[in-house]
């Protein structure tokens, strides 16, 4: 991945992952290069022209914790569409976590419905999810309890700045 990258960029990125070259850090670099960093770059660019909101799905069911997969890419789909009766949905809510998963799902769906109705994920009564922009990087973290984080993984985001791995 770093073959055509400035050596200083490689060093800056690998230094941002505290346990590099351990497997977890290497997987994190691959995950961020594929999913996280391009999403951040897109949201930054889009926020210059339109209202933009960013989220990260961190909620892990008991099954996901046991399997040590954590909140993987695409895991929010069964929560967004509440498809816990599908084969995959049943697996992720096994071990008694269906009730908690439904709570996360309801909160998430509320934001999606608000966005569809109002063009904004916030309820009409007031803002709880600030817009994303290049200065603050406000991000909704969906988890057991949802919260807003300003620039989550900011050090990692900064380490990737200027890296043209997709050229």
N, C-alpha and C. Protein backbone atom coordinates (compact mmCIF):
# COMPACT_ATOMS: atom_id res chain seq x y z
N UNK A 1 0.82 -1.19 0.00
CA UNK A 1 0.00 0.00 0.00
C UNK A 1 0.86 1.26 0.00
N UNK A 2 2.00 1.22 0.66
CA UNK A 2 2.84 2.40 0.75
C UNK A 2 3.91 2.45 -0.34
N UNK A 3 3.85 1.55 -1.28
CA UNK A 3 4.87 1.45 -2.32
C UNK A 3 5.12 2.78 -3.04
N UNK A 4 4.05 3.48 -3.39
CA UNK A 4 4.18 4.73 -4.14
C UNK A 4 3.93 5.96 -3.27
N UNK A 5 4.14 5.81 -1.98
CA UNK A 5 3.86 6.89 -1.04
C UNK A 5 5.18 7.49 -0.56
N UNK A 6 5.16 8.75 -0.31
CA UNK A 6 6.30 9.43 0.28
C UNK A 6 6.71 8.70 1.56
N UNK A 7 8.00 8.35 1.71
CA UNK A 7 8.44 7.62 2.91
C UNK A 7 8.08 8.33 4.22
N UNK A 8 8.05 9.67 4.21
CA UNK A 8 7.67 10.41 5.42
C UNK A 8 6.20 10.17 5.75
N UNK A 9 5.36 10.01 4.72
CA UNK A 9 3.94 9.73 4.96
C UNK A 9 3.79 8.35 5.60
N UNK A 10 4.53 7.38 5.08
CA UNK A 10 4.46 6.03 5.66
C UNK A 10 4.85 6.07 7.13
N UNK A 11 5.92 6.76 7.43
CA UNK A 11 6.38 6.85 8.81
C UNK A 11 5.35 7.58 9.68
N UNK A 12 4.79 8.67 9.18
CA UNK A 12 3.79 9.44 9.92
C UNK A 12 2.55 8.59 10.22
N UNK A 13 2.10 7.82 9.22
CA UNK A 13 0.91 6.99 9.38
C UNK A 13 1.18 5.84 10.35
N UNK A 14 2.24 5.12 10.14
CA UNK A 14 2.51 3.98 11.03
C UNK A 14 2.75 4.45 12.47
N UNK A 15 3.31 5.64 12.65
CA UNK A 15 3.51 6.18 14.00
C UNK A 15 2.19 6.55 14.67
N UNK A 16 1.16 6.83 13.89
CA UNK A 16 -0.15 7.21 14.45
C UNK A 16 -0.87 6.00 15.07
N UNK A 17 -0.44 4.81 14.73
CA UNK A 17 -1.03 3.58 15.26
C UNK A 17 -0.08 3.06 16.33
N UNK A 18 -0.46 3.25 17.58
CA UNK A 18 0.46 3.05 18.70
C UNK A 18 1.08 1.66 18.77
N UNK A 19 0.39 0.65 18.32
CA UNK A 19 0.94 -0.71 18.44
C UNK A 19 1.44 -1.26 17.10
N UNK A 20 1.75 -0.40 16.14
CA UNK A 20 2.31 -0.85 14.87
C UNK A 20 3.67 -1.49 15.14
N UNK A 21 4.04 -2.61 14.57
CA UNK A 21 3.46 -3.38 13.47
C UNK A 21 2.60 -4.56 13.91
N UNK A 22 2.04 -4.50 15.10
CA UNK A 22 1.16 -5.59 15.53
C UNK A 22 -0.01 -5.74 14.58
N UNK A 23 -0.58 -6.94 14.54
CA UNK A 23 -1.67 -7.27 13.61
C UNK A 23 -2.83 -6.28 13.70
N UNK A 24 -3.24 -5.91 14.91
CA UNK A 24 -4.37 -5.01 15.09
C UNK A 24 -4.11 -3.65 14.41
N UNK A 25 -2.89 -3.15 14.52
CA UNK A 25 -2.55 -1.86 13.90
C UNK A 25 -2.52 -1.98 12.38
N UNK A 26 -1.97 -3.07 11.88
CA UNK A 26 -1.91 -3.27 10.43
C UNK A 26 -3.33 -3.37 9.86
N UNK A 27 -4.20 -4.09 10.56
CA UNK A 27 -5.61 -4.16 10.13
C UNK A 27 -6.26 -2.78 10.21
N UNK A 28 -5.93 -2.02 11.22
CA UNK A 28 -6.46 -0.66 11.36
C UNK A 28 -6.03 0.23 10.21
N UNK A 29 -4.80 0.13 9.79
CA UNK A 29 -4.31 0.92 8.66
C UNK A 29 -5.09 0.54 7.40
N UNK A 30 -5.27 -0.75 7.16
CA UNK A 30 -6.04 -1.21 5.99
C UNK A 30 -7.48 -0.75 6.05
N UNK A 31 -8.09 -0.85 7.23
CA UNK A 31 -9.47 -0.39 7.42
C UNK A 31 -9.60 1.10 7.15
N UNK A 32 -8.67 1.86 7.71
CA UNK A 32 -8.74 3.31 7.55
C UNK A 32 -8.46 3.73 6.11
N UNK A 33 -7.52 3.07 5.45
CA UNK A 33 -7.22 3.39 4.05
C UNK A 33 -8.40 3.07 3.15
N UNK A 34 -9.15 2.04 3.49
CA UNK A 34 -10.26 1.59 2.64
C UNK A 34 -11.56 2.30 2.96
N UNK A 35 -11.88 2.48 4.23
CA UNK A 35 -13.20 2.98 4.61
C UNK A 35 -13.16 4.36 5.29
N UNK A 36 -12.44 4.45 6.39
CA UNK A 36 -12.53 5.64 7.25
C UNK A 36 -11.99 6.91 6.58
N UNK A 37 -10.76 6.87 6.14
CA UNK A 37 -10.13 8.09 5.61
C UNK A 37 -10.83 8.59 4.35
N UNK A 38 -11.17 7.73 3.39
CA UNK A 38 -11.93 8.25 2.23
C UNK A 38 -13.27 8.86 2.64
N UNK A 39 -13.93 8.31 3.66
CA UNK A 39 -15.19 8.88 4.14
C UNK A 39 -14.96 10.27 4.73
N UNK A 40 -13.89 10.43 5.47
CA UNK A 40 -13.55 11.73 6.05
C UNK A 40 -13.26 12.72 4.94
N UNK A 41 -12.46 12.33 3.97
CA UNK A 41 -12.12 13.24 2.86
C UNK A 41 -13.38 13.65 2.10
N UNK A 42 -14.25 12.70 1.87
CA UNK A 42 -15.49 13.01 1.15
C UNK A 42 -16.37 13.96 1.97
N UNK A 43 -16.52 13.69 3.26
CA UNK A 43 -17.35 14.55 4.12
C UNK A 43 -16.76 15.96 4.20
N UNK A 44 -15.44 16.06 4.30
CA UNK A 44 -14.81 17.38 4.33
C UNK A 44 -15.12 18.15 3.05
N UNK A 45 -14.94 17.50 1.92
CA UNK A 45 -15.18 18.17 0.64
C UNK A 45 -16.66 18.53 0.48
N UNK A 46 -17.54 17.62 0.80
CA UNK A 46 -18.97 17.84 0.63
C UNK A 46 -19.46 18.96 1.55
N UNK A 47 -18.88 19.03 2.76
CA UNK A 47 -19.33 20.03 3.73
C UNK A 47 -19.03 21.46 3.27
N UNK A 48 -18.16 21.62 2.28
CA UNK A 48 -17.89 22.96 1.74
C UNK A 48 -19.08 23.49 0.95
N UNK A 49 -19.97 22.60 0.50
CA UNK A 49 -21.06 22.99 -0.39
C UNK A 49 -22.46 22.71 0.18
N UNK A 50 -22.56 21.70 1.03
CA UNK A 50 -23.87 21.29 1.56
C UNK A 50 -23.75 20.94 3.04
N UNK A 51 -24.88 20.96 3.71
CA UNK A 51 -24.92 20.51 5.10
C UNK A 51 -24.54 19.04 5.12
N UNK A 52 -23.69 18.70 6.06
CA UNK A 52 -23.14 17.34 6.12
C UNK A 52 -23.12 16.87 7.56
N UNK A 53 -23.47 15.62 7.76
CA UNK A 53 -23.40 15.00 9.08
C UNK A 53 -22.61 13.70 8.95
N UNK A 54 -21.79 13.42 9.93
CA UNK A 54 -20.95 12.22 9.91
C UNK A 54 -21.31 11.37 11.11
N UNK A 55 -21.25 10.05 10.93
CA UNK A 55 -21.46 9.15 12.06
C UNK A 55 -20.44 8.04 12.01
N UNK A 56 -20.27 7.40 13.15
CA UNK A 56 -19.47 6.19 13.25
C UNK A 56 -20.27 5.22 14.11
N UNK A 57 -20.35 3.99 13.68
CA UNK A 57 -21.11 2.98 14.39
C UNK A 57 -20.15 2.14 15.21
N UNK A 58 -20.20 2.29 16.52
CA UNK A 58 -19.28 1.57 17.42
C UNK A 58 -19.96 0.49 18.25
N UNK A 59 -21.28 0.41 18.19
CA UNK A 59 -21.99 -0.53 19.04
C UNK A 59 -21.60 -1.97 18.71
N UNK A 60 -21.29 -2.73 19.75
CA UNK A 60 -20.93 -4.13 19.60
C UNK A 60 -21.88 -4.98 20.42
N UNK A 61 -22.53 -5.92 19.78
CA UNK A 61 -23.39 -6.84 20.51
C UNK A 61 -22.49 -7.85 21.23
N UNK A 62 -23.08 -8.63 22.12
CA UNK A 62 -22.31 -9.66 22.83
C UNK A 62 -21.64 -10.61 21.84
N UNK A 63 -22.37 -11.00 20.79
CA UNK A 63 -21.80 -11.91 19.80
C UNK A 63 -20.59 -11.30 19.10
N UNK A 64 -20.65 -10.01 18.83
CA UNK A 64 -19.53 -9.35 18.16
C UNK A 64 -18.33 -9.24 19.11
N UNK A 65 -18.59 -9.01 20.38
CA UNK A 65 -17.48 -8.95 21.35
C UNK A 65 -16.84 -10.33 21.52
N UNK A 66 -17.68 -11.36 21.60
CA UNK A 66 -17.17 -12.72 21.76
C UNK A 66 -16.33 -13.13 20.55
N UNK A 67 -16.80 -12.77 19.36
CA UNK A 67 -16.07 -13.14 18.14
C UNK A 67 -14.85 -12.26 17.90
N UNK A 68 -14.68 -11.21 18.72
CA UNK A 68 -13.58 -10.25 18.62
C UNK A 68 -13.57 -9.49 17.30
N UNK A 69 -14.73 -9.41 16.66
CA UNK A 69 -14.84 -8.64 15.42
C UNK A 69 -15.13 -7.18 15.69
N UNK A 70 -15.79 -6.92 16.78
CA UNK A 70 -16.15 -5.54 17.08
C UNK A 70 -17.19 -5.02 16.09
N UNK A 71 -17.24 -3.70 15.97
CA UNK A 71 -18.19 -3.06 15.06
C UNK A 71 -17.54 -2.95 13.69
N UNK A 72 -17.75 -3.93 12.87
CA UNK A 72 -17.11 -3.98 11.56
C UNK A 72 -17.87 -3.18 10.52
N UNK A 73 -17.24 -2.98 9.38
CA UNK A 73 -17.84 -2.25 8.26
C UNK A 73 -19.18 -2.89 7.88
N UNK A 74 -20.21 -2.08 7.80
CA UNK A 74 -21.53 -2.56 7.38
C UNK A 74 -22.39 -3.13 8.50
N UNK A 75 -21.85 -3.22 9.72
CA UNK A 75 -22.62 -3.80 10.81
C UNK A 75 -23.86 -2.98 11.14
N UNK A 76 -23.85 -1.69 10.81
CA UNK A 76 -25.00 -0.84 11.14
C UNK A 76 -26.22 -1.13 10.27
N UNK A 77 -26.06 -1.84 9.18
CA UNK A 77 -27.17 -2.09 8.25
C UNK A 77 -28.35 -2.79 8.95
N UNK A 78 -28.14 -3.89 9.68
CA UNK A 78 -29.28 -4.50 10.37
C UNK A 78 -29.92 -3.57 11.40
N UNK A 79 -29.15 -2.64 11.94
CA UNK A 79 -29.69 -1.68 12.91
C UNK A 79 -30.50 -0.61 12.18
N UNK A 80 -30.02 -0.15 11.05
CA UNK A 80 -30.73 0.88 10.29
C UNK A 80 -32.06 0.35 9.77
N UNK A 81 -32.09 -0.91 9.34
CA UNK A 81 -33.31 -1.49 8.76
C UNK A 81 -34.02 -2.46 9.70
N UNK A 82 -33.46 -2.62 10.90
CA UNK A 82 -34.01 -3.50 11.93
C UNK A 82 -34.31 -4.90 11.37
N UNK A 83 -33.30 -5.51 10.76
CA UNK A 83 -33.45 -6.84 10.17
C UNK A 83 -32.80 -7.90 11.08
N UNK A 84 -33.18 -7.88 12.32
CA UNK A 84 -32.60 -8.83 13.28
C UNK A 84 -33.19 -10.23 13.14
N UNK A 85 -34.19 -10.40 12.29
CA UNK A 85 -34.75 -11.73 12.04
C UNK A 85 -34.09 -12.42 10.85
N UNK A 86 -33.22 -11.73 10.14
CA UNK A 86 -32.47 -12.36 9.06
C UNK A 86 -31.43 -13.29 9.66
N UNK A 87 -30.83 -14.14 8.85
CA UNK A 87 -29.82 -15.08 9.36
C UNK A 87 -28.67 -14.33 10.02
N UNK A 88 -28.16 -13.30 9.36
CA UNK A 88 -27.07 -12.52 9.93
C UNK A 88 -27.54 -11.76 11.17
N UNK A 89 -28.72 -11.16 11.09
CA UNK A 89 -29.28 -10.43 12.22
C UNK A 89 -29.42 -11.29 13.46
N UNK A 90 -29.89 -12.52 13.28
CA UNK A 90 -30.03 -13.44 14.42
C UNK A 90 -28.67 -13.73 15.06
N UNK A 91 -27.65 -13.87 14.23
CA UNK A 91 -26.31 -14.15 14.78
C UNK A 91 -25.79 -12.97 15.60
N UNK A 92 -25.99 -11.76 15.10
CA UNK A 92 -25.40 -10.62 15.82
C UNK A 92 -26.16 -10.27 17.10
N UNK A 93 -27.43 -10.66 17.19
CA UNK A 93 -28.17 -10.37 18.43
C UNK A 93 -28.33 -11.59 19.31
N UNK A 94 -27.56 -12.64 19.01
CA UNK A 94 -27.61 -13.82 19.87
C UNK A 94 -26.96 -13.47 21.22
N UNK A 95 -27.02 -14.37 22.14
CA UNK A 95 -26.48 -14.19 23.50
C UNK A 95 -27.23 -13.09 24.26
N UNK A 96 -28.51 -12.95 23.99
CA UNK A 96 -29.36 -12.07 24.78
C UNK A 96 -29.19 -10.58 24.55
N UNK A 97 -28.72 -10.19 23.39
CA UNK A 97 -28.49 -8.75 23.18
C UNK A 97 -29.54 -8.11 22.27
N UNK A 98 -30.62 -8.80 21.99
CA UNK A 98 -31.64 -8.25 21.07
C UNK A 98 -32.29 -6.97 21.63
N UNK A 99 -32.63 -6.96 22.90
CA UNK A 99 -33.29 -5.81 23.49
C UNK A 99 -32.41 -4.56 23.41
N UNK A 100 -31.14 -4.69 23.76
CA UNK A 100 -30.22 -3.56 23.68
C UNK A 100 -30.01 -3.13 22.23
N UNK A 101 -29.93 -4.09 21.32
CA UNK A 101 -29.75 -3.78 19.90
C UNK A 101 -30.95 -3.01 19.36
N UNK A 102 -32.14 -3.37 19.81
CA UNK A 102 -33.35 -2.66 19.37
C UNK A 102 -33.33 -1.20 19.83
N UNK A 103 -32.82 -0.95 21.02
CA UNK A 103 -32.73 0.43 21.52
C UNK A 103 -31.80 1.26 20.64
N UNK A 104 -30.66 0.69 20.30
CA UNK A 104 -29.72 1.39 19.41
C UNK A 104 -30.38 1.61 18.06
N UNK A 105 -31.04 0.58 17.56
CA UNK A 105 -31.72 0.66 16.26
C UNK A 105 -32.78 1.76 16.24
N UNK A 106 -33.59 1.85 17.28
CA UNK A 106 -34.64 2.88 17.34
C UNK A 106 -34.05 4.29 17.32
N UNK A 107 -32.98 4.49 18.08
CA UNK A 107 -32.35 5.81 18.09
C UNK A 107 -31.78 6.15 16.72
N UNK A 108 -31.12 5.19 16.12
CA UNK A 108 -30.52 5.39 14.80
C UNK A 108 -31.60 5.67 13.76
N UNK A 109 -32.65 4.87 13.77
CA UNK A 109 -33.74 5.06 12.82
C UNK A 109 -34.39 6.43 12.99
N UNK A 110 -34.49 6.91 14.21
CA UNK A 110 -35.05 8.23 14.46
C UNK A 110 -34.27 9.31 13.71
N UNK A 111 -32.95 9.21 13.75
CA UNK A 111 -32.13 10.18 13.03
C UNK A 111 -32.31 10.04 11.52
N UNK A 112 -32.39 8.82 11.02
CA UNK A 112 -32.55 8.60 9.58
C UNK A 112 -33.92 9.14 9.11
N UNK A 113 -34.96 8.90 9.91
CA UNK A 113 -36.29 9.39 9.56
C UNK A 113 -36.31 10.92 9.57
N UNK A 114 -35.70 11.52 10.59
CA UNK A 114 -35.61 12.98 10.63
C UNK A 114 -34.91 13.52 9.39
N UNK A 115 -33.85 12.86 8.99
CA UNK A 115 -33.11 13.32 7.80
C UNK A 115 -34.00 13.22 6.55
N UNK A 116 -34.73 12.13 6.44
CA UNK A 116 -35.62 11.96 5.28
C UNK A 116 -36.74 13.01 5.29
N UNK A 117 -37.28 13.33 6.47
CA UNK A 117 -38.38 14.28 6.57
C UNK A 117 -37.94 15.73 6.45
N UNK A 118 -36.83 16.08 7.13
CA UNK A 118 -36.46 17.47 7.29
C UNK A 118 -35.14 17.86 6.62
N UNK A 119 -34.43 16.87 6.05
CA UNK A 119 -33.12 17.16 5.49
C UNK A 119 -32.08 17.40 6.57
N UNK A 120 -32.36 16.90 7.77
CA UNK A 120 -31.52 17.13 8.92
C UNK A 120 -31.78 15.98 9.90
N UNK A 121 -30.75 15.33 10.45
CA UNK A 121 -30.98 14.18 11.33
C UNK A 121 -31.48 14.54 12.73
N UNK A 122 -31.54 15.83 13.02
CA UNK A 122 -31.97 16.27 14.35
C UNK A 122 -33.48 16.30 14.46
N UNK A 123 -34.00 16.12 15.68
CA UNK A 123 -35.45 16.26 15.87
C UNK A 123 -35.83 17.73 15.72
N UNK A 124 -37.09 18.00 15.36
CA UNK A 124 -37.51 19.40 15.19
C UNK A 124 -37.35 20.25 16.46
N UNK A 125 -37.33 19.61 17.63
CA UNK A 125 -37.24 20.35 18.90
C UNK A 125 -35.86 20.96 19.13
N UNK A 126 -34.83 20.50 18.43
CA UNK A 126 -33.51 21.09 18.66
C UNK A 126 -32.38 20.23 18.17
N UNK A 127 -31.24 20.86 18.10
CA UNK A 127 -30.05 20.18 17.57
C UNK A 127 -29.34 19.38 18.65
N UNK A 128 -29.09 18.12 18.35
CA UNK A 128 -28.24 17.30 19.20
C UNK A 128 -27.06 16.75 18.41
N UNK A 129 -27.17 16.84 17.07
CA UNK A 129 -26.13 16.33 16.18
C UNK A 129 -25.65 17.49 15.31
N UNK A 130 -24.52 18.13 15.69
CA UNK A 130 -24.04 19.27 14.91
C UNK A 130 -23.52 18.84 13.53
N UNK A 131 -23.55 19.80 12.61
CA UNK A 131 -23.06 19.53 11.26
C UNK A 131 -21.55 19.25 11.28
N UNK A 132 -21.14 18.46 10.33
CA UNK A 132 -19.73 18.13 10.14
C UNK A 132 -19.09 19.22 9.29
N UNK A 133 -17.89 19.62 9.65
CA UNK A 133 -17.14 20.54 8.80
C UNK A 133 -15.65 20.30 9.01
N UNK A 134 -14.84 20.94 8.18
CA UNK A 134 -13.39 20.72 8.22
C UNK A 134 -12.72 21.24 9.49
N UNK A 135 -13.40 22.12 10.19
CA UNK A 135 -12.82 22.69 11.40
C UNK A 135 -13.07 21.80 12.61
N UNK A 136 -14.31 21.36 12.78
CA UNK A 136 -14.68 20.64 14.01
C UNK A 136 -14.80 19.14 13.86
N UNK A 137 -15.13 18.64 12.69
CA UNK A 137 -15.27 17.20 12.46
C UNK A 137 -16.22 16.53 13.45
N UNK A 138 -17.33 17.22 13.79
CA UNK A 138 -18.29 16.64 14.73
C UNK A 138 -18.85 15.34 14.15
N UNK A 139 -18.86 14.31 14.96
CA UNK A 139 -19.28 12.99 14.52
C UNK A 139 -20.18 12.36 15.57
N UNK A 140 -21.33 11.85 15.13
CA UNK A 140 -22.21 11.10 16.03
C UNK A 140 -21.63 9.70 16.17
N UNK A 141 -21.44 9.27 17.40
CA UNK A 141 -20.97 7.92 17.66
C UNK A 141 -22.18 7.14 18.16
N UNK A 142 -22.61 6.16 17.36
CA UNK A 142 -23.70 5.28 17.78
C UNK A 142 -23.09 4.14 18.59
N UNK A 143 -23.53 4.04 19.82
CA UNK A 143 -23.00 3.02 20.71
C UNK A 143 -24.09 2.71 21.74
N UNK A 144 -23.72 2.04 22.82
CA UNK A 144 -24.69 1.74 23.87
C UNK A 144 -25.41 3.03 24.28
N UNK A 145 -24.66 4.10 24.42
CA UNK A 145 -25.18 5.46 24.61
C UNK A 145 -24.55 6.28 23.49
N UNK A 146 -25.37 6.97 22.71
CA UNK A 146 -24.86 7.77 21.60
C UNK A 146 -24.27 9.07 22.14
N UNK A 147 -23.27 9.56 21.44
CA UNK A 147 -22.66 10.83 21.84
C UNK A 147 -21.99 11.47 20.63
N UNK A 148 -21.73 12.76 20.77
CA UNK A 148 -21.04 13.51 19.73
C UNK A 148 -19.57 13.61 20.13
N UNK A 149 -18.70 13.35 19.18
CA UNK A 149 -17.28 13.51 19.43
C UNK A 149 -16.71 14.49 18.40
N UNK A 150 -15.91 15.40 18.88
CA UNK A 150 -15.24 16.35 17.99
C UNK A 150 -13.95 15.71 17.50
N UNK A 151 -13.89 15.47 16.19
CA UNK A 151 -12.70 14.93 15.53
C UNK A 151 -12.22 13.60 16.12
N UNK A 152 -13.08 12.57 16.09
CA UNK A 152 -12.63 11.26 16.58
C UNK A 152 -11.45 10.76 15.75
N UNK A 153 -10.50 10.19 16.41
CA UNK A 153 -9.28 9.69 15.75
C UNK A 153 -8.59 10.80 14.97
N UNK A 154 -8.59 12.00 15.54
CA UNK A 154 -8.00 13.16 14.88
C UNK A 154 -6.53 12.97 14.53
N UNK A 155 -5.77 12.33 15.40
CA UNK A 155 -4.35 12.11 15.12
C UNK A 155 -4.17 11.21 13.90
N UNK A 156 -5.03 10.21 13.78
CA UNK A 156 -4.96 9.33 12.61
C UNK A 156 -5.37 10.10 11.35
N UNK A 157 -6.44 10.90 11.45
CA UNK A 157 -6.87 11.72 10.30
C UNK A 157 -5.73 12.61 9.83
N UNK A 158 -5.07 13.28 10.76
CA UNK A 158 -3.97 14.18 10.40
C UNK A 158 -2.80 13.43 9.78
N UNK A 159 -2.53 12.23 10.27
CA UNK A 159 -1.43 11.44 9.72
C UNK A 159 -1.65 11.10 8.26
N UNK A 160 -2.89 10.94 7.85
CA UNK A 160 -3.22 10.58 6.47
C UNK A 160 -3.28 11.78 5.54
N UNK A 161 -3.25 13.00 6.06
CA UNK A 161 -3.37 14.18 5.21
C UNK A 161 -2.30 14.20 4.12
N UNK A 162 -2.75 14.46 2.91
CA UNK A 162 -1.83 14.58 1.78
C UNK A 162 -1.36 13.28 1.17
N UNK A 163 -1.85 12.16 1.67
CA UNK A 163 -1.42 10.86 1.15
C UNK A 163 -2.29 10.51 -0.06
N UNK A 164 -1.67 10.35 -1.20
CA UNK A 164 -2.42 10.04 -2.43
C UNK A 164 -2.37 8.57 -2.76
N UNK A 165 -2.95 7.73 -1.93
CA UNK A 165 -2.88 6.28 -2.17
C UNK A 165 -3.85 5.82 -3.25
N UNK A 166 -4.76 6.71 -3.68
CA UNK A 166 -5.79 6.30 -4.64
C UNK A 166 -5.50 6.84 -6.03
N UNK A 167 -4.30 7.27 -6.31
CA UNK A 167 -3.96 7.83 -7.62
C UNK A 167 -3.64 6.75 -8.62
